[in-house]
Structure formats: C-alpha cells, structure tokens
Amino acid sequence: MAKFLFVLGAGLYNSNSPTRCLQFAQVAHQEGHEVSVFLIDEGVVIARKGATENLVAPSGEEADVAMQYIIQNKIPVYVCTPCANARRVTEDQLIEGAQYAVGKDLIRMAADSKVLTFT
C-alpha cells in the first residue's frame, strides 16, 4: 500500500477544500493506505474541537463525518505551529490525536509520501 500526506491550507471560509481533504484522507485510509494530514495557514482552524461540526460542502457532504473517522481511527493530524500561533489555536483546543509540527516535519513526511494539497 501507499503512503499519503494530505495538506490543507483552507479554513472555514471555504467548505469545499476542508471537506474534500478530510474525505479523501478517509477514503485512502479505508483502502488500506497509510495516511497523515498536515494543516497549514488557515487550515489549522479545523483542528479545533468542534470546528467541523457545521462545515458542509455545497454538494451536501459534512466535513465532521470524515473528521470523526479520522479521530476514531487515530489518523495523525499535524498542525503547523507558527500558523496555529498566528491564529491563536492552542494545543488544548486541538482535536484528539492532533499535534503541533513545523516545516521540517512537513518536508520529511512529504519526502516519502504521495502528497495531495487542498487550498
């Protein structure tokens, strides 16, 4: 199986990108692939507990369904530390299983993964 890294830079203002990113991460995991999610820029806000509860794509899919799958299946979610600090997303606000990470972590993960980005 392959290793996938999903990188999300869009926040709550764009319901499509976060929803699709989380959905495709779920699908990849369900297909047996190794999956990680890395949140950058405005994307870090979806790591807050409850942030995806009312996030619905125009096509009707709910981001929270995929987020709950990610949490329940312990799929690693990495939150860009400087991005989170700039947006006042603190570690105690993060969903279960999410952790702060920095640019060198993103590059290390990307070096041996198939990378899909959502902005």
PDB file of N, CA and C in Angstrom:
ATOM      1  N   MET A   1       0.829  -1.185   0.000  1.00  0.00           N
ATOM      2  CA  MET A   1       0.000   0.000   0.000  1.00  0.00           C
ATOM      3  C   MET A   1       0.876   1.252   0.000  1.00  0.00           C
ATOM      4  N   ALA A   2       0.276   2.357  -0.365  1.00  0.00           N
ATOM      5  CA  ALA A   2       0.996   3.628  -0.486  1.00  0.00           C
ATOM      6  C   ALA A   2       0.883   4.444   0.800  1.00  0.00           C
ATOM      7  N   LYS A   3       1.711   5.470   0.841  1.00  0.00           N
ATOM      8  CA  LYS A   3       1.713   6.412   1.960  1.00  0.00           C
ATOM      9  C   LYS A   3       1.226   7.750   1.404  1.00  0.00           C
ATOM     10  N   PHE A   4       0.184   8.314   2.024  1.00  0.00           N
ATOM     11  CA  PHE A   4      -0.397   9.566   1.565  1.00  0.00           C
ATOM     12  C   PHE A   4      -0.290  10.643   2.630  1.00  0.00           C
ATOM     13  N   LEU A   5       0.027  11.846   2.186  1.00  0.00           N
ATOM     14  CA  LEU A   5       0.044  13.024   3.045  1.00  0.00           C
ATOM     15  C   LEU A   5      -0.933  14.031   2.446  1.00  0.00           C
ATOM     16  N   PHE A   6      -1.945  14.381   3.214  1.00  0.00           N
ATOM     17  CA  PHE A   6      -2.938  15.358   2.785  1.00  0.00           C
ATOM     18  C   PHE A   6      -2.614  16.680   3.459  1.00  0.00           C
ATOM     19  N   VAL A   7      -2.422  17.722   2.659  1.00  0.00           N
ATOM     20  CA  VAL A   7      -2.056  19.039   3.182  1.00  0.00           C
ATOM     21  C   VAL A   7      -3.210  19.999   2.914  1.00  0.00           C
ATOM     22  N   LEU A   8      -3.703  20.610   3.986  1.00  0.00           N
ATOM     23  CA  LEU A   8      -4.839  21.529   3.882  1.00  0.00           C
ATOM     24  C   LEU A   8      -4.426  22.927   4.290  1.00  0.00           C
ATOM     25  N   GLY A   9      -4.656  23.899   3.405  1.00  0.00           N
ATOM     26  CA  GLY A   9      -4.357  25.293   3.701  1.00  0.00           C
ATOM     27  C   GLY A   9      -5.595  26.167   3.796  1.00  0.00           C
ATOM     28  N   ALA A  10      -6.757  25.611   3.494  1.00  0.00           N
ATOM     29  CA  ALA A  10      -8.007  26.383   3.520  1.00  0.00           C
ATOM     30  C   ALA A  10      -8.721  26.179   4.849  1.00  0.00           C
ATOM     31  N   GLY A  11      -9.373  27.222   5.304  1.00  0.00           N
ATOM     32  CA  GLY A  11     -10.085  27.166   6.580  1.00  0.00           C
ATOM     33  C   GLY A  11     -11.584  27.096   6.413  1.00  0.00           C
ATOM     34  N   LEU A  12     -12.281  27.634   7.377  1.00  0.00           N
ATOM     35  CA  LEU A  12     -13.732  27.534   7.432  1.00  0.00           C
ATOM     36  C   LEU A  12     -14.445  28.393   6.389  1.00  0.00           C
ATOM     37  N   TYR A  13     -13.746  29.366   5.817  1.00  0.00           N
ATOM     38  CA  TYR A  13     -14.352  30.228   4.797  1.00  0.00           C
ATOM     39  C   TYR A  13     -14.607  29.486   3.491  1.00  0.00           C
ATOM     40  N   ASN A  14     -13.971  28.326   3.323  1.00  0.00           N
ATOM     41  CA  ASN A  14     -14.077  27.544   2.099  1.00  0.00           C
ATOM     42  C   ASN A  14     -14.467  26.122   2.494  1.00  0.00           C
ATOM     43  N   SER A  15     -15.732  25.815   2.484  1.00  0.00           N
ATOM     44  CA  SER A  15     -16.173  24.498   2.970  1.00  0.00           C
ATOM     45  C   SER A  15     -15.763  23.354   2.058  1.00  0.00           C
ATOM     46  N   ASN A  16     -15.508  23.627   0.788  1.00  0.00           N
ATOM     47  CA  ASN A  16     -15.132  22.565  -0.139  1.00  0.00           C
ATOM     48  C   ASN A  16     -13.783  21.933   0.195  1.00  0.00           C
ATOM     49  N   SER A  17     -12.743  22.735   0.309  1.00  0.00           N
ATOM     50  CA  SER A  17     -11.401  22.187   0.488  1.00  0.00           C
ATOM     51  C   SER A  17     -11.236  21.379   1.768  1.00  0.00           C
ATOM     52  N   PRO A  18     -11.650  21.889   2.933  1.00  0.00           N
ATOM     53  CA  PRO A  18     -11.514  21.058   4.135  1.00  0.00           C
ATOM     54  C   PRO A  18     -12.332  19.765   4.053  1.00  0.00           C
ATOM     55  N   THR A  19     -13.534  19.870   3.526  1.00  0.00           N
ATOM     56  CA  THR A  19     -14.381  18.681   3.424  1.00  0.00           C
ATOM     57  C   THR A  19     -13.752  17.649   2.509  1.00  0.00           C
ATOM     58  N   ARG A  20     -13.301  18.071   1.347  1.00  0.00           N
ATOM     59  CA  ARG A  20     -12.685  17.144   0.394  1.00  0.00           C
ATOM     60  C   ARG A  20     -11.392  16.547   0.948  1.00  0.00           C
ATOM     61  N   CYS A  21     -10.573  17.362   1.561  1.00  0.00           N
ATOM     62  CA  CYS A  21      -9.321  16.884   2.130  1.00  0.00           C
ATOM     63  C   CYS A  21      -9.594  15.768   3.141  1.00  0.00           C
ATOM     64  N   LEU A  22     -10.495  16.017   4.059  1.00  0.00           N
ATOM     65  CA  LEU A  22     -10.809  15.029   5.081  1.00  0.00           C
ATOM     66  C   LEU A  22     -11.456  13.785   4.479  1.00  0.00           C
ATOM     67  N   GLN A  23     -12.328  13.984   3.498  1.00  0.00           N
ATOM     68  CA  GLN A  23     -12.976  12.846   2.844  1.00  0.00           C
ATOM     69  C   GLN A  23     -11.963  11.957   2.137  1.00  0.00           C
ATOM     70  N   PHE A  24     -11.062  12.563   1.386  1.00  0.00           N
ATOM     71  CA  PHE A  24     -10.078  11.765   0.647  1.00  0.00           C
ATOM     72  C   PHE A  24      -9.099  11.081   1.599  1.00  0.00           C
ATOM     73  N   ALA A  25      -8.783  11.728   2.713  1.00  0.00           N
ATOM     74  CA  ALA A  25      -7.947  11.074   3.725  1.00  0.00           C
ATOM     75  C   ALA A  25      -8.668   9.840   4.263  1.00  0.00           C
ATOM     76  N   GLN A  26      -9.953   9.970   4.507  1.00  0.00           N
ATOM     77  CA  GLN A  26     -10.752   8.843   4.984  1.00  0.00           C
ATOM     78  C   GLN A  26     -10.765   7.723   3.953  1.00  0.00           C
ATOM     79  N   VAL A  27     -11.019   8.054   2.711  1.00  0.00           N
ATOM     80  CA  VAL A  27     -11.083   7.046   1.648  1.00  0.00           C
ATOM     81  C   VAL A  27      -9.744   6.322   1.515  1.00  0.00           C
ATOM     82  N   ALA A  28      -8.651   7.077   1.528  1.00  0.00           N
ATOM     83  CA  ALA A  28      -7.322   6.460   1.405  1.00  0.00           C
ATOM     84  C   ALA A  28      -7.080   5.485   2.558  1.00  0.00           C
ATOM     85  N   HIS A  29      -7.466   5.877   3.750  1.00  0.00           N
ATOM     86  CA  HIS A  29      -7.290   5.004   4.914  1.00  0.00           C
ATOM     87  C   HIS A  29      -8.166   3.761   4.786  1.00  0.00           C
ATOM     88  N   GLN A  30      -9.399   3.945   4.356  1.00  0.00           N
ATOM     89  CA  GLN A  30     -10.300   2.808   4.188  1.00  0.00           C
ATOM     90  C   GLN A  30      -9.790   1.828   3.130  1.00  0.00           C
ATOM     91  N   GLU A  31      -9.015   2.343   2.192  1.00  0.00           N
ATOM     92  CA  GLU A  31      -8.436   1.499   1.149  1.00  0.00           C
ATOM     93  C   GLU A  31      -7.145   0.819   1.611  1.00  0.00           C
ATOM     94  N   GLY A  32      -6.778   1.064   2.870  1.00  0.00           N
ATOM     95  CA  GLY A  32      -5.622   0.386   3.429  1.00  0.00           C
ATOM     96  C   GLY A  32      -4.310   1.127   3.342  1.00  0.00           C
ATOM     97  N   HIS A  33      -4.339   2.376   2.918  1.00  0.00           N
ATOM     98  CA  HIS A  33      -3.114   3.163   2.805  1.00  0.00           C
ATOM     99  C   HIS A  33      -2.749   3.805   4.137  1.00  0.00           C
ATOM    100  N   GLU A  34      -1.473   4.136   4.286  1.00  0.00           N
ATOM    101  CA  GLU A  34      -1.009   4.889   5.443  1.00  0.00           C
ATOM    102  C   GLU A  34      -1.297   6.362   5.170  1.00  0.00           C
ATOM    103  N   VAL A  35      -1.952   7.032   6.100  1.00  0.00           N
ATOM    104  CA  VAL A  35      -2.437   8.397   5.873  1.00  0.00           C
ATOM    105  C   VAL A  35      -2.014   9.314   7.009  1.00  0.00           C
ATOM    106  N   SER A  36      -1.624  10.545   6.640  1.00  0.00           N
ATOM    107  CA  SER A  36      -1.389  11.634   7.585  1.00  0.00           C
ATOM    108  C   SER A  36      -2.016  12.895   7.008  1.00  0.00           C
ATOM    109  N   VAL A  37      -2.405  13.801   7.892  1.00  0.00           N
ATOM    110  CA  VAL A  37      -2.967  15.087   7.489  1.00  0.00           C
ATOM    111  C   VAL A  37      -2.104  16.179   8.113  1.00  0.00           C
ATOM    112  N   PHE A  38      -1.722  17.166   7.299  1.00  0.00           N
ATOM    113  CA  PHE A  38      -0.928  18.300   7.795  1.00  0.00           C
ATOM    114  C   PHE A  38      -1.707  19.577   7.481  1.00  0.00           C
ATOM    115  N   LEU A  39      -1.986  20.365   8.518  1.00  0.00           N
ATOM    116  CA  LEU A  39      -2.763  21.597   8.376  1.00  0.00           C
ATOM    117  C   LEU A  39      -1.831  22.797   8.421  1.00  0.00           C
ATOM    118  N   ILE A  40      -1.962  23.670   7.425  1.00  0.00           N
ATOM    119  CA  ILE A  40      -1.152  24.885   7.354  1.00  0.00           C
ATOM    120  C   ILE A  40      -2.062  26.087   7.158  1.00  0.00           C
ATOM    121  N   ASP A  41      -1.501  27.262   7.322  1.00  0.00           N
ATOM    122  CA  ASP A  41      -2.218  28.518   7.085  1.00  0.00           C
ATOM    123  C   ASP A  41      -3.599  28.483   7.752  1.00  0.00           C
ATOM    124  N   GLU A  42      -4.644  28.874   7.029  1.00  0.00           N
ATOM    125  CA  GLU A  42      -5.999  28.908   7.610  1.00  0.00           C
ATOM    126  C   GLU A  42      -6.540  27.522   7.938  1.00  0.00           C
ATOM    127  N   GLY A  43      -5.939  26.492   7.359  1.00  0.00           N
ATOM    128  CA  GLY A  43      -6.385  25.128   7.610  1.00  0.00           C
ATOM    129  C   GLY A  43      -6.262  24.705   9.061  1.00  0.00           C
ATOM    130  N   VAL A  44      -5.381  25.364   9.815  1.00  0.00           N
ATOM    131  CA  VAL A  44      -5.182  24.970  11.213  1.00  0.00           C
ATOM    132  C   VAL A  44      -6.447  25.124  12.047  1.00  0.00           C
ATOM    133  N   VAL A  45      -7.350  25.993  11.637  1.00  0.00           N
ATOM    134  CA  VAL A  45      -8.550  26.223  12.454  1.00  0.00           C
ATOM    135  C   VAL A  45      -9.463  25.005  12.504  1.00  0.00           C
ATOM    136  N   ILE A  46      -9.380  24.123  11.517  1.00  0.00           N
ATOM    137  CA  ILE A  46     -10.260  22.947  11.566  1.00  0.00           C
ATOM    138  C   ILE A  46      -9.780  21.924  12.585  1.00  0.00           C
ATOM    139  N   ALA A  47      -8.601  22.121  13.153  1.00  0.00           N
ATOM    140  CA  ALA A  47      -8.108  21.220  14.197  1.00  0.00           C
ATOM    141  C   ALA A  47      -8.708  21.539  15.556  1.00  0.00           C
ATOM    142  N   ARG A  48      -9.419  22.649  15.661  1.00  0.00           N
ATOM    143  CA  ARG A  48     -10.086  22.967  16.930  1.00  0.00           C
ATOM    144  C   ARG A  48     -11.255  22.010  17.149  1.00  0.00           C
ATOM    145  N   LYS A  49     -11.401  21.571  18.386  1.00  0.00           N
ATOM    146  CA  LYS A  49     -12.529  20.700  18.731  1.00  0.00           C
ATOM    147  C   LYS A  49     -13.829  21.374  18.300  1.00  0.00           C
ATOM    148  N   GLY A  50     -14.652  20.632  17.565  1.00  0.00           N
ATOM    149  CA  GLY A  50     -15.961  21.125  17.152  1.00  0.00           C
ATOM    150  C   GLY A  50     -15.969  22.009  15.917  1.00  0.00           C
ATOM    151  N   ALA A  51     -14.808  22.341  15.374  1.00  0.00           N
ATOM    152  CA  ALA A  51     -14.751  23.279  14.242  1.00  0.00           C
ATOM    153  C   ALA A  51     -15.453  22.753  12.993  1.00  0.00           C
ATOM    154  N   THR A  52     -15.468  21.455  12.791  1.00  0.00           N
ATOM    155  CA  THR A  52     -16.075  20.907  11.569  1.00  0.00           C
ATOM    156  C   THR A  52     -17.542  20.529  11.741  1.00  0.00           C
ATOM    157  N   GLU A  53     -18.090  20.737  12.927  1.00  0.00           N
ATOM    158  CA  GLU A  53     -19.469  20.291  13.192  1.00  0.00           C
ATOM    159  C   GLU A  53     -20.503  20.842  12.216  1.00  0.00           C
ATOM    160  N   ASN A  54     -20.345  22.057  11.789  1.00  0.00           N
ATOM    161  CA  ASN A  54     -21.322  22.667  10.870  1.00  0.00           C
ATOM    162  C   ASN A  54     -20.725  22.991   9.516  1.00  0.00           C
ATOM    163  N   LEU A  55     -19.633  22.333   9.186  1.00  0.00           N
ATOM    164  CA  LEU A  55     -18.948  22.591   7.920  1.00  0.00           C
ATOM    165  C   LEU A  55     -19.489  21.628   6.864  1.00  0.00           C
ATOM    166  N   VAL A  56     -20.241  22.173   5.922  1.00  0.00           N
ATOM    167  CA  VAL A  56     -20.900  21.371   4.895  1.00  0.00           C
ATOM    168  C   VAL A  56     -20.528  21.916   3.521  1.00  0.00           C
ATOM    169  N   ALA A  57     -20.076  21.034   2.645  1.00  0.00           N
ATOM    170  CA  ALA A  57     -19.753  21.438   1.270  1.00  0.00           C
ATOM    171  C   ALA A  57     -21.046  21.752   0.527  1.00  0.00           C
ATOM    172  N   PRO A  58     -20.982  22.584  -0.514  1.00  0.00           N
ATOM    173  CA  PRO A  58     -22.182  22.898  -1.283  1.00  0.00           C
ATOM    174  C   PRO A  58     -22.894  21.656  -1.835  1.00  0.00           C
ATOM    175  N   SER A  59     -22.147  20.579  -2.023  1.00  0.00           N
ATOM    176  CA  SER A  59     -22.739  19.338  -2.521  1.00  0.00           C
ATOM    177  C   SER A  59     -23.424  18.532  -1.426  1.00  0.00           C
ATOM    178  N   GLY A  60     -23.327  19.010  -0.163  1.00  0.00           N
ATOM    179  CA  GLY A  60     -24.045  18.389   0.938  1.00  0.00           C
ATOM    180  C   GLY A  60     -23.221  17.519   1.867  1.00  0.00           C
ATOM    181  N   GLU A  61     -21.987  17.187   1.498  1.00  0.00           N
ATOM    182  CA  GLU A  61     -21.162  16.353   2.378  1.00  0.00           C
ATOM    183  C   GLU A  61     -20.745  17.128   3.614  1.00  0.00           C
ATOM    184  N   GLU A  62     -20.735  16.443   4.741  1.00  0.00           N
ATOM    185  CA  GLU A  62     -20.387  17.053   6.014  1.00  0.00           C
ATOM    186  C   GLU A  62     -18.948  16.717   6.378  1.00  0.00           C
ATOM    187  N   ALA A  63     -18.157  17.749   6.619  1.00  0.00           N
ATOM    188  CA  ALA A  63     -16.751  17.550   6.986  1.00  0.00           C
ATOM    189  C   ALA A  63     -16.614  16.778   8.283  1.00  0.00           C
ATOM    190  N   ASP A  64     -17.558  16.961   9.190  1.00  0.00           N
ATOM    191  CA  ASP A  64     -17.449  16.336  10.502  1.00  0.00           C
ATOM    192  C   ASP A  64     -17.520  14.813  10.433  1.00  0.00           C
ATOM    193  N   VAL A  65     -18.212  14.271   9.462  1.00  0.00           N
ATOM    194  CA  VAL A  65     -18.280  12.810   9.317  1.00  0.00           C
ATOM    195  C   VAL A  65     -16.871  12.265   9.092  1.00  0.00           C
ATOM    196  N   ALA A  66     -16.143  12.880   8.177  1.00  0.00           N
ATOM    197  CA  ALA A  66     -14.771  12.447   7.899  1.00  0.00           C
ATOM    198  C   ALA A  66     -13.847  12.764   9.073  1.00  0.00           C
ATOM    199  N   MET A  67     -14.042  13.912   9.720  1.00  0.00           N
ATOM    200  CA  MET A  67     -13.198  14.262  10.866  1.00  0.00           C
ATOM    201  C   MET A  67     -13.375  13.249  11.992  1.00  0.00           C
ATOM    202  N   GLN A  68     -14.598  12.837  12.245  1.00  0.00           N
ATOM    203  CA  GLN A  68     -14.829  11.839  13.294  1.00  0.00           C
ATOM    204  C   GLN A  68     -14.166  10.505  12.941  1.00  0.00           C
ATOM    205  N   TYR A  69     -14.184  10.142  11.663  1.00  0.00           N
ATOM    206  CA  TYR A  69     -13.495   8.934  11.225  1.00  0.00           C
ATOM    207  C   TYR A  69     -11.998   9.060  11.492  1.00  0.00           C
ATOM    208  N   ILE A  70     -11.434  10.210  11.162  1.00  0.00           N
ATOM    209  CA  ILE A  70     -10.002  10.452  11.365  1.00  0.00           C
ATOM    210  C   ILE A  70      -9.647  10.343  12.845  1.00  0.00           C
ATOM    211  N   ILE A  71     -10.461  10.934  13.695  1.00  0.00           N
ATOM    212  CA  ILE A  71     -10.212  10.876  15.136  1.00  0.00           C
ATOM    213  C   ILE A  71     -10.329   9.436  15.640  1.00  0.00           C
ATOM    214  N   GLN A  72     -11.403   8.772  15.281  1.00  0.00           N
ATOM    215  CA  GLN A  72     -11.655   7.410  15.767  1.00  0.00           C
ATOM    216  C   GLN A  72     -10.601   6.417  15.307  1.00  0.00           C
ATOM    217  N   ASN A  73     -10.049   6.646  14.123  1.00  0.00           N
ATOM    218  CA  ASN A  73      -9.056   5.733  13.566  1.00  0.00           C
ATOM    219  C   ASN A  73      -7.629   6.191  13.812  1.00  0.00           C
ATOM    220  N   LYS A  74      -7.498   7.217  14.640  1.00  0.00           N
ATOM    221  CA  LYS A  74      -6.188   7.712  15.072  1.00  0.00           C
ATOM    222  C   LYS A  74      -5.255   8.046  13.902  1.00  0.00           C
ATOM    223  N   ILE A  75      -5.838   8.634  12.870  1.00  0.00           N
ATOM    224  CA  ILE A  75      -5.031   9.112  11.743  1.00  0.00           C
ATOM    225  C   ILE A  75      -4.295  10.358  12.221  1.00  0.00           C
ATOM    226  N   PRO A  76      -2.978  10.402  12.070  1.00  0.00           N
ATOM    227  CA  PRO A  76      -2.219  11.550  12.576  1.00  0.00           C
ATOM    228  C   PRO A  76      -2.625  12.859  11.883  1.00  0.00           C
ATOM    229  N   VAL A  77      -2.856  13.876  12.710  1.00  0.00           N
ATOM    230  CA  VAL A  77      -3.148  15.223  12.215  1.00  0.00           C
ATOM    231  C   VAL A  77      -2.085  16.140  12.794  1.00  0.00           C
ATOM    232  N   TYR A  78      -1.340  16.778  11.899  1.00  0.00           N
ATOM    233  CA  TYR A  78      -0.272  17.686  12.302  1.00  0.00           C
ATOM    234  C   TYR A  78      -0.717  19.117  12.041  1.00  0.00           C
ATOM    235  N   VAL A  79      -0.448  19.992  12.991  1.00  0.00           N
ATOM    236  CA  VAL A  79      -0.881  21.382  12.926  1.00  0.00           C
ATOM    237  C   VAL A  79       0.362  22.267  12.916  1.00  0.00           C
ATOM    238  N   CYS A  80       0.516  23.048  11.857  1.00  0.00           N
ATOM    239  CA  CYS A  80       1.663  23.940  11.728  1.00  0.00           C
ATOM    240  C   CYS A  80       1.722  24.874  12.948  1.00  0.00           C
ATOM    241  N   THR A  81       2.805  24.769  13.691  1.00  0.00           N
ATOM    242  CA  THR A  81       2.941  25.534  14.928  1.00  0.00           C
ATOM    243  C   THR A  81       2.871  27.042  14.711  1.00  0.00           C
ATOM    244  N   PRO A  82       3.690  27.622  13.805  1.00  0.00           N
ATOM    245  CA  PRO A  82       3.591  29.078  13.640  1.00  0.00           C
ATOM    246  C   PRO A  82       2.239  29.522  13.088  1.00  0.00           C
ATOM    247  N   CYS A  83       1.636  28.693  12.226  1.00  0.00           N
ATOM    248  CA  CYS A  83       0.310  29.023  11.678  1.00  0.00           C
ATOM    249  C   CYS A  83      -0.731  29.037  12.789  1.00  0.00           C
ATOM    250  N   ALA A  84      -0.653  28.046  13.676  1.00  0.00           N
ATOM    251  CA  ALA A  84      -1.590  27.962  14.802  1.00  0.00           C
ATOM    252  C   ALA A  84      -1.385  29.124  15.763  1.00  0.00           C
ATOM    253  N   ASN A  85      -0.141  29.431  16.061  1.00  0.00           N
ATOM    254  CA  ASN A  85       0.143  30.543  16.965  1.00  0.00           C
ATOM    255  C   ASN A  85      -0.403  31.853  16.416  1.00  0.00           C
ATOM    256  N   ALA A  86      -0.250  32.075  15.118  1.00  0.00           N
ATOM    257  CA  ALA A  86      -0.734  33.302  14.488  1.00  0.00           C
ATOM    258  C   ALA A  86      -2.256  33.401  14.544  1.00  0.00           C
ATOM    259  N   ARG A  87      -2.933  32.253  14.594  1.00  0.00           N
ATOM    260  CA  ARG A  87      -4.397  32.223  14.606  1.00  0.00           C
ATOM    261  C   ARG A  87      -4.952  31.871  15.987  1.00  0.00           C
ATOM    262  N   ARG A  88      -4.082  31.872  16.958  1.00  0.00           N
ATOM    263  CA  ARG A  88      -4.441  31.606  18.356  1.00  0.00           C
ATOM    264  C   ARG A  88      -5.156  30.278  18.550  1.00  0.00           C
ATOM    265  N   VAL A  89      -4.666  29.268  17.839  1.00  0.00           N
ATOM    266  CA  VAL A  89      -5.151  27.907  18.024  1.00  0.00           C
ATOM    267  C   VAL A  89      -4.168  27.236  18.976  1.00  0.00           C
ATOM    268  N   THR A  90      -4.611  27.030  20.204  1.00  0.00           N
ATOM    269  CA  THR A  90      -3.730  26.486  21.229  1.00  0.00           C
ATOM    270  C   THR A  90      -3.838  24.959  21.299  1.00  0.00           C
ATOM    271  N   GLU A  91      -2.808  24.343  21.845  1.00  0.00           N
ATOM    272  CA  GLU A  91      -2.769  22.878  21.902  1.00  0.00           C
ATOM    273  C   GLU A  91      -3.946  22.291  22.674  1.00  0.00           C
ATOM    274  N   ASP A  92      -4.411  22.972  23.697  1.00  0.00           N
ATOM    275  CA  ASP A  92      -5.536  22.450  24.471  1.00  0.00           C
ATOM    276  C   ASP A  92      -6.859  22.519  23.700  1.00  0.00           C
ATOM    277  N   GLN A  93      -6.892  23.247  22.601  1.00  0.00           N
ATOM    278  CA  GLN A  93      -8.094  23.340  21.764  1.00  0.00           C
ATOM    279  C   GLN A  93      -8.138  22.259  20.684  1.00  0.00           C
ATOM    280  N   LEU A  94      -7.037  21.542  20.487  1.00  0.00           N
ATOM    281  CA  LEU A  94      -6.932  20.615  19.365  1.00  0.00           C
ATOM    282  C   LEU A  94      -7.758  19.349  19.564  1.00  0.00           C
ATOM    283  N   ILE A  95      -8.228  18.818  18.443  1.00  0.00           N
ATOM    284  CA  ILE A  95      -8.929  17.540  18.452  1.00  0.00           C
ATOM    285  C   ILE A  95      -8.003  16.455  18.987  1.00  0.00           C
ATOM    286  N   GLU A  96      -8.590  15.386  19.448  1.00  0.00           N
ATOM    287  CA  GLU A  96      -7.810  14.251  19.923  1.00  0.00           C
ATOM    288  C   GLU A  96      -6.914  13.733  18.801  1.00  0.00           C
ATOM    289  N   GLY A  97      -5.663  13.514  19.105  1.00  0.00           N
ATOM    290  CA  GLY A  97      -4.719  12.971  18.130  1.00  0.00           C
ATOM    291  C   GLY A  97      -3.974  14.009  17.313  1.00  0.00           C
ATOM    292  N   ALA A  98      -4.373  15.268  17.409  1.00  0.00           N
ATOM    293  CA  ALA A  98      -3.664  16.322  16.670  1.00  0.00           C
ATOM    294  C   ALA A  98      -2.479  16.800  17.493  1.00  0.00           C
ATOM    295  N   GLN A  99      -1.438  17.222  16.794  1.00  0.00           N
ATOM    296  CA  GLN A  99      -0.259  17.736  17.471  1.00  0.00           C
ATOM    297  C   GLN A  99       0.412  18.807  16.630  1.00  0.00           C
ATOM    298  N   TYR A 100       1.099  19.691  17.320  1.00  0.00           N
ATOM    299  CA  TYR A 100       1.863  20.726  16.634  1.00  0.00           C
ATOM    300  C   TYR A 100       3.030  20.088  15.873  1.00  0.00           C
ATOM    301  N   ALA A 101       3.392  20.703  14.756  1.00  0.00           N
ATOM    302  CA  ALA A 101       4.543  20.282  13.956  1.00  0.00           C
ATOM    303  C   ALA A 101       5.073  21.515  13.224  1.00  0.00           C
ATOM    304  N   VAL A 102       6.263  21.389  12.666  1.00  0.00           N
ATOM    305  CA  VAL A 102       6.892  22.515  11.960  1.00  0.00           C
ATOM    306  C   VAL A 102       7.226  22.126  10.526  1.00  0.00           C
ATOM    307  N   GLY A 103       7.722  23.109   9.786  1.00  0.00           N
ATOM    308  CA  GLY A 103       8.015  22.920   8.370  1.00  0.00           C
ATOM    309  C   GLY A 103       8.907  21.736   8.057  1.00  0.00           C
ATOM    310  N   LYS A 104       9.939  21.523   8.872  1.00  0.00           N
ATOM    311  CA  LYS A 104      10.837  20.402   8.579  1.00  0.00           C
ATOM    312  C   LYS A 104      10.119  19.065   8.723  1.00  0.00           C
ATOM    313  N   ASP A 105       9.098  19.005   9.591  1.00  0.00           N
ATOM    314  CA  ASP A 105       8.296  17.784   9.715  1.00  0.00           C
ATOM    315  C   ASP A 105       7.482  17.549   8.441  1.00  0.00           C
ATOM    316  N   LEU A 106       6.907  18.624   7.923  1.00  0.00           N
ATOM    317  CA  LEU A 106       6.141  18.528   6.681  1.00  0.00           C
ATOM    318  C   LEU A 106       7.028  18.028   5.544  1.00  0.00           C
ATOM    319  N   ILE A 107       8.208  18.590   5.411  1.00  0.00           N
ATOM    320  CA  ILE A 107       9.118  18.190   4.334  1.00  0.00           C
ATOM    321  C   ILE A 107       9.554  16.740   4.503  1.00  0.00           C
ATOM    322  N   ARG A 108       9.848  16.336   5.727  1.00  0.00           N
ATOM    323  CA  ARG A 108      10.250  14.958   5.993  1.00  0.00           C
ATOM    324  C   ARG A 108       9.141  13.987   5.587  1.00  0.00           C
ATOM    325  N   MET A 109       7.898  14.311   5.957  1.00  0.00           N
ATOM    326  CA  MET A 109       6.770  13.444   5.608  1.00  0.00           C
ATOM    327  C   MET A 109       6.526  13.436   4.104  1.00  0.00           C
ATOM    328  N   ALA A 110       6.640  14.600   3.493  1.00  0.00           N
ATOM    329  CA  ALA A 110       6.383  14.694   2.049  1.00  0.00           C
ATOM    330  C   ALA A 110       7.422  13.941   1.225  1.00  0.00           C
ATOM    331  N   ALA A 111       8.620  13.820   1.751  1.00  0.00           N
ATOM    332  CA  ALA A 111       9.709  13.186   1.005  1.00  0.00           C
ATOM    333  C   ALA A 111       9.407  11.736   0.642  1.00  0.00           C
ATOM    334  N   ASP A 112       8.631  11.057   1.462  1.00  0.00           N
ATOM    335  CA  ASP A 112       8.349   9.654   1.154  1.00  0.00           C
ATOM    336  C   ASP A 112       6.846   9.352   1.070  1.00  0.00           C
ATOM    337  N   SER A 113       6.066  10.370   0.688  1.00  0.00           N
ATOM    338  CA  SER A 113       4.616  10.199   0.567  1.00  0.00           C
ATOM    339  C   SER A 113       4.116  10.742  -0.770  1.00  0.00           C
ATOM    340  N   LYS A 114       2.948  10.267  -1.148  1.00  0.00           N
ATOM    341  CA  LYS A 114       2.208  10.919  -2.224  1.00  0.00           C
ATOM    342  C   LYS A 114       1.483  12.080  -1.548  1.00  0.00           C
ATOM    343  N   VAL A 115       1.683  13.292  -2.054  1.00  0.00           N
ATOM    344  CA  VAL A 115       1.155  14.481  -1.401  1.00  0.00           C
ATOM    345  C   VAL A 115      -0.022  15.042  -2.197  1.00  0.00           C
ATOM    346  N   LEU A 116      -1.124  15.266  -1.497  1.00  0.00           N
ATOM    347  CA  LEU A 116      -2.291  15.906  -2.089  1.00  0.00           C
ATOM    348  C   LEU A 116      -2.538  17.178  -1.305  1.00  0.00           C
ATOM    349  N   THR A 117      -2.694  18.300  -2.011  1.00  0.00           N
ATOM    350  CA  THR A 117      -2.894  19.587  -1.335  1.00  0.00           C
ATOM    351  C   THR A 117      -4.274  20.145  -1.649  1.00  0.00           C
ATOM    352  N   PHE A 118      -4.816  20.819  -0.656  1.00  0.00           N
ATOM    353  CA  PHE A 118      -6.138  21.432  -0.764  1.00  0.00           C
ATOM    354  C   PHE A 118      -6.019  22.858  -0.247  1.00  0.00           C
ATOM    355  N   THR A 119      -6.333  23.830  -1.097  1.00  0.00           N
ATOM    356  CA  THR A 119      -6.214  25.241  -0.703  1.00  0.00           C
ATOM    357  C   THR A 119      -7.508  25.980  -0.944  1.00  0.00           C
TER     358      THR A 119
END
